[in-house]
Structure formats: structure tokens, C-alpha cells
Amino acid sequence: MGLEQRRAIWAIYVWCRRTDKLVDGPNASHMTPRALDRWEKRLDDVFEGRPYDMLDAALSDTVSKYPVDIQI
């Protein structure tokens, strides 16, 4: 596997870990439906090429190079 592909996998993994921490991490009991809606909107923005931070930018770059659909 090439470097670009490893970076893409890393970007997906990071997003998944961040999401997991929201729902299973130490602050999970404070997560509200509204906060989860904002996180979902953020993912939509990432897929539309509007990242919020550098980690979002890595995923945004990945989905632009390796198109995938958001699946619910």
C-alpha cells in the first residue's frame, strides 16, 4: 500500500475515533441530540469540501480522492 493510501486510511480512522470518543468517551453522558446533529452536519461539510480543522481537512482530501458515500 502506498503512502497516499495509508494517509487516506489514517484520515478515516481518525474521524471514526473522534466520533467514537463523542459517544463512548468520558464526556459521552453530556452529549445531546443537538450536539450529535452538529457533528453530523460537520461530516456533511467535510464531504462537501468544507473542513473545520486540519483533521477534517485530511478526511475531506481523502473523500475527494477516493469518493465514497455517507451511509446511515
N, C-alpha and C. Protein backbone atom coordinates (compact mmCIF):
# COMPACT_ATOMS: atom_id res chain seq x y z
N MET A 1 0.85 -1.17 0.00
CA MET A 1 0.00 0.00 0.00
C MET A 1 0.90 1.24 0.00
N GLY A 2 0.55 2.18 -0.86
CA GLY A 2 1.35 3.39 -0.97
C GLY A 2 1.09 4.39 0.14
N LEU A 3 1.96 5.40 0.21
CA LEU A 3 1.86 6.42 1.24
C LEU A 3 0.51 7.15 1.18
N GLU A 4 0.07 7.51 0.00
CA GLU A 4 -1.19 8.24 -0.14
C GLU A 4 -2.37 7.40 0.37
N GLN A 5 -2.35 6.13 0.08
CA GLN A 5 -3.42 5.25 0.56
C GLN A 5 -3.36 5.09 2.07
N ARG A 6 -2.17 4.99 2.64
CA ARG A 6 -2.04 4.90 4.11
C ARG A 6 -2.56 6.17 4.77
N ARG A 7 -2.26 7.32 4.17
CA ARG A 7 -2.77 8.58 4.73
C ARG A 7 -4.29 8.63 4.68
N ALA A 8 -4.85 8.12 3.60
CA ALA A 8 -6.31 8.10 3.47
C ALA A 8 -6.94 7.22 4.55
N ILE A 9 -6.36 6.08 4.77
CA ILE A 9 -6.86 5.18 5.81
C ILE A 9 -6.73 5.83 7.18
N TRP A 10 -5.62 6.51 7.42
CA TRP A 10 -5.41 7.22 8.69
C TRP A 10 -6.50 8.28 8.88
N ALA A 11 -6.81 9.04 7.82
CA ALA A 11 -7.81 10.10 7.93
C ALA A 11 -9.18 9.53 8.30
N ILE A 12 -9.53 8.42 7.69
CA ILE A 12 -10.81 7.77 8.02
C ILE A 12 -10.79 7.25 9.45
N TYR A 13 -9.68 6.64 9.84
CA TYR A 13 -9.55 6.11 11.20
C TYR A 13 -9.69 7.24 12.24
N VAL A 14 -9.03 8.35 11.99
CA VAL A 14 -9.08 9.48 12.93
C VAL A 14 -10.51 9.98 13.09
N TRP A 15 -11.22 10.12 11.98
CA TRP A 15 -12.61 10.58 12.08
C TRP A 15 -13.44 9.59 12.90
N CYS A 16 -13.26 8.32 12.64
CA CYS A 16 -14.01 7.29 13.38
C CYS A 16 -13.67 7.33 14.87
N ARG A 17 -12.40 7.50 15.21
CA ARG A 17 -12.01 7.57 16.62
C ARG A 17 -12.61 8.79 17.30
N ARG A 18 -12.60 9.91 16.60
CA ARG A 18 -13.19 11.13 17.18
C ARG A 18 -14.67 10.93 17.43
N THR A 19 -15.36 10.32 16.49
CA THR A 19 -16.78 10.05 16.64
C THR A 19 -17.02 9.09 17.80
N ASP A 20 -16.19 8.06 17.89
CA ASP A 20 -16.31 7.10 18.98
C ASP A 20 -16.13 7.77 20.34
N LYS A 21 -15.18 8.68 20.44
CA LYS A 21 -14.96 9.38 21.71
C LYS A 21 -16.16 10.23 22.10
N LEU A 22 -16.85 10.76 21.10
CA LEU A 22 -18.05 11.55 21.42
C LEU A 22 -19.12 10.71 22.11
N VAL A 23 -19.29 9.50 21.65
CA VAL A 23 -20.39 8.68 22.17
C VAL A 23 -19.96 7.68 23.24
N ASP A 24 -18.67 7.39 23.32
CA ASP A 24 -18.19 6.42 24.31
C ASP A 24 -17.12 6.98 25.24
N GLY A 25 -16.72 8.21 25.03
CA GLY A 25 -15.64 8.79 25.83
C GLY A 25 -16.11 9.33 27.16
N PRO A 26 -15.22 9.99 27.87
CA PRO A 26 -15.54 10.47 29.22
C PRO A 26 -16.65 11.52 29.26
N ASN A 27 -16.87 12.22 28.16
CA ASN A 27 -17.93 13.24 28.13
C ASN A 27 -19.19 12.77 27.43
N ALA A 28 -19.29 11.50 27.15
CA ALA A 28 -20.43 10.96 26.40
C ALA A 28 -21.76 11.24 27.09
N SER A 29 -21.75 11.25 28.40
CA SER A 29 -23.01 11.48 29.12
C SER A 29 -23.52 12.91 28.92
N HIS A 30 -22.68 13.79 28.43
CA HIS A 30 -23.06 15.19 28.21
C HIS A 30 -23.45 15.46 26.75
N MET A 31 -23.36 14.44 25.92
CA MET A 31 -23.70 14.62 24.50
C MET A 31 -25.22 14.71 24.36
N THR A 32 -25.65 15.73 23.68
CA THR A 32 -27.08 15.93 23.45
C THR A 32 -27.41 15.59 22.00
N PRO A 33 -28.66 15.35 21.72
CA PRO A 33 -29.04 15.13 20.32
C PRO A 33 -28.63 16.30 19.42
N ARG A 34 -28.70 17.50 19.96
CA ARG A 34 -28.30 18.68 19.18
C ARG A 34 -26.81 18.65 18.86
N ALA A 35 -26.00 18.25 19.83
CA ALA A 35 -24.55 18.15 19.60
C ALA A 35 -24.25 17.09 18.54
N LEU A 36 -24.95 15.99 18.59
CA LEU A 36 -24.76 14.94 17.59
C LEU A 36 -25.22 15.42 16.20
N ASP A 37 -26.27 16.22 16.16
CA ASP A 37 -26.71 16.80 14.89
C ASP A 37 -25.63 17.72 14.32
N ARG A 38 -24.98 18.48 15.19
CA ARG A 38 -23.89 19.36 14.73
C ARG A 38 -22.72 18.53 14.19
N TRP A 39 -22.43 17.41 14.85
CA TRP A 39 -21.34 16.54 14.38
C TRP A 39 -21.69 15.95 13.01
N GLU A 40 -22.95 15.57 12.84
CA GLU A 40 -23.39 15.05 11.54
C GLU A 40 -23.27 16.14 10.46
N LYS A 41 -23.65 17.37 10.79
CA LYS A 41 -23.52 18.48 9.85
C LYS A 41 -22.05 18.70 9.50
N ARG A 42 -21.21 18.56 10.48
CA ARG A 42 -19.78 18.71 10.25
C ARG A 42 -19.29 17.66 9.25
N LEU A 43 -19.74 16.43 9.39
CA LEU A 43 -19.37 15.39 8.44
C LEU A 43 -19.88 15.72 7.05
N ASP A 44 -21.10 16.21 6.96
CA ASP A 44 -21.62 16.64 5.66
C ASP A 44 -20.72 17.71 5.05
N ASP A 45 -20.30 18.67 5.87
CA ASP A 45 -19.41 19.73 5.40
C ASP A 45 -18.08 19.16 4.91
N VAL A 46 -17.55 18.20 5.63
CA VAL A 46 -16.29 17.56 5.21
C VAL A 46 -16.46 16.94 3.83
N PHE A 47 -17.56 16.24 3.61
CA PHE A 47 -17.81 15.60 2.32
C PHE A 47 -18.06 16.62 1.22
N GLU A 48 -18.47 17.83 1.59
CA GLU A 48 -18.70 18.89 0.61
C GLU A 48 -17.45 19.76 0.42
N GLY A 49 -16.34 19.38 1.06
CA GLY A 49 -15.09 20.14 0.90
C GLY A 49 -14.97 21.36 1.78
N ARG A 50 -15.71 21.37 2.90
CA ARG A 50 -15.67 22.50 3.84
C ARG A 50 -15.21 22.01 5.22
N PRO A 51 -13.94 21.66 5.35
CA PRO A 51 -13.45 21.16 6.65
C PRO A 51 -13.40 22.26 7.69
N TYR A 52 -13.53 21.85 8.94
CA TYR A 52 -13.49 22.77 10.07
C TYR A 52 -12.08 22.90 10.63
N ASP A 53 -11.33 21.81 10.65
CA ASP A 53 -9.98 21.83 11.19
C ASP A 53 -9.07 20.94 10.34
N MET A 54 -7.84 20.78 10.74
CA MET A 54 -6.87 20.02 9.94
C MET A 54 -7.23 18.53 9.84
N LEU A 55 -7.79 17.98 10.89
CA LEU A 55 -8.18 16.57 10.83
C LEU A 55 -9.37 16.38 9.89
N ASP A 56 -10.29 17.34 9.91
CA ASP A 56 -11.39 17.31 8.95
C ASP A 56 -10.84 17.45 7.53
N ALA A 57 -9.83 18.31 7.36
CA ALA A 57 -9.25 18.54 6.04
C ALA A 57 -8.62 17.26 5.49
N ALA A 58 -8.02 16.48 6.35
CA ALA A 58 -7.43 15.21 5.91
C ALA A 58 -8.52 14.28 5.38
N LEU A 59 -9.66 14.22 6.07
CA LEU A 59 -10.76 13.37 5.60
C LEU A 59 -11.37 13.96 4.33
N SER A 60 -11.51 15.26 4.27
CA SER A 60 -12.06 15.90 3.09
C SER A 60 -11.20 15.60 1.86
N ASP A 61 -9.91 15.67 2.03
CA ASP A 61 -8.98 15.33 0.95
C ASP A 61 -9.15 13.87 0.54
N THR A 62 -9.29 13.01 1.52
CA THR A 62 -9.46 11.57 1.25
C THR A 62 -10.71 11.31 0.42
N VAL A 63 -11.84 11.89 0.83
CA VAL A 63 -13.08 11.60 0.11
C VAL A 63 -13.10 12.26 -1.27
N SER A 64 -12.26 13.27 -1.46
CA SER A 64 -12.18 13.85 -2.81
C SER A 64 -11.36 12.96 -3.73
N LYS A 65 -10.37 12.25 -3.17
CA LYS A 65 -9.52 11.36 -3.96
C LYS A 65 -10.12 9.97 -4.12
N TYR A 66 -10.81 9.53 -3.08
CA TYR A 66 -11.41 8.19 -3.07
C TYR A 66 -12.89 8.35 -2.73
N PRO A 67 -13.70 8.72 -3.72
CA PRO A 67 -15.11 9.01 -3.44
C PRO A 67 -15.85 7.84 -2.77
N VAL A 68 -16.53 8.18 -1.71
CA VAL A 68 -17.40 7.24 -1.01
C VAL A 68 -18.66 8.00 -0.63
N ASP A 69 -19.72 7.27 -0.38
CA ASP A 69 -20.97 7.88 0.08
C ASP A 69 -21.08 7.74 1.58
N ILE A 70 -21.72 8.71 2.20
CA ILE A 70 -22.05 8.58 3.61
C ILE A 70 -23.20 7.57 3.69
N GLN A 71 -23.02 6.57 4.52
CA GLN A 71 -24.07 5.56 4.68
C GLN A 71 -24.58 5.60 6.10
N ILE A 72 -25.87 5.56 6.22
CA ILE A 72 -26.51 5.62 7.54
C ILE A 72 -26.98 4.24 7.91
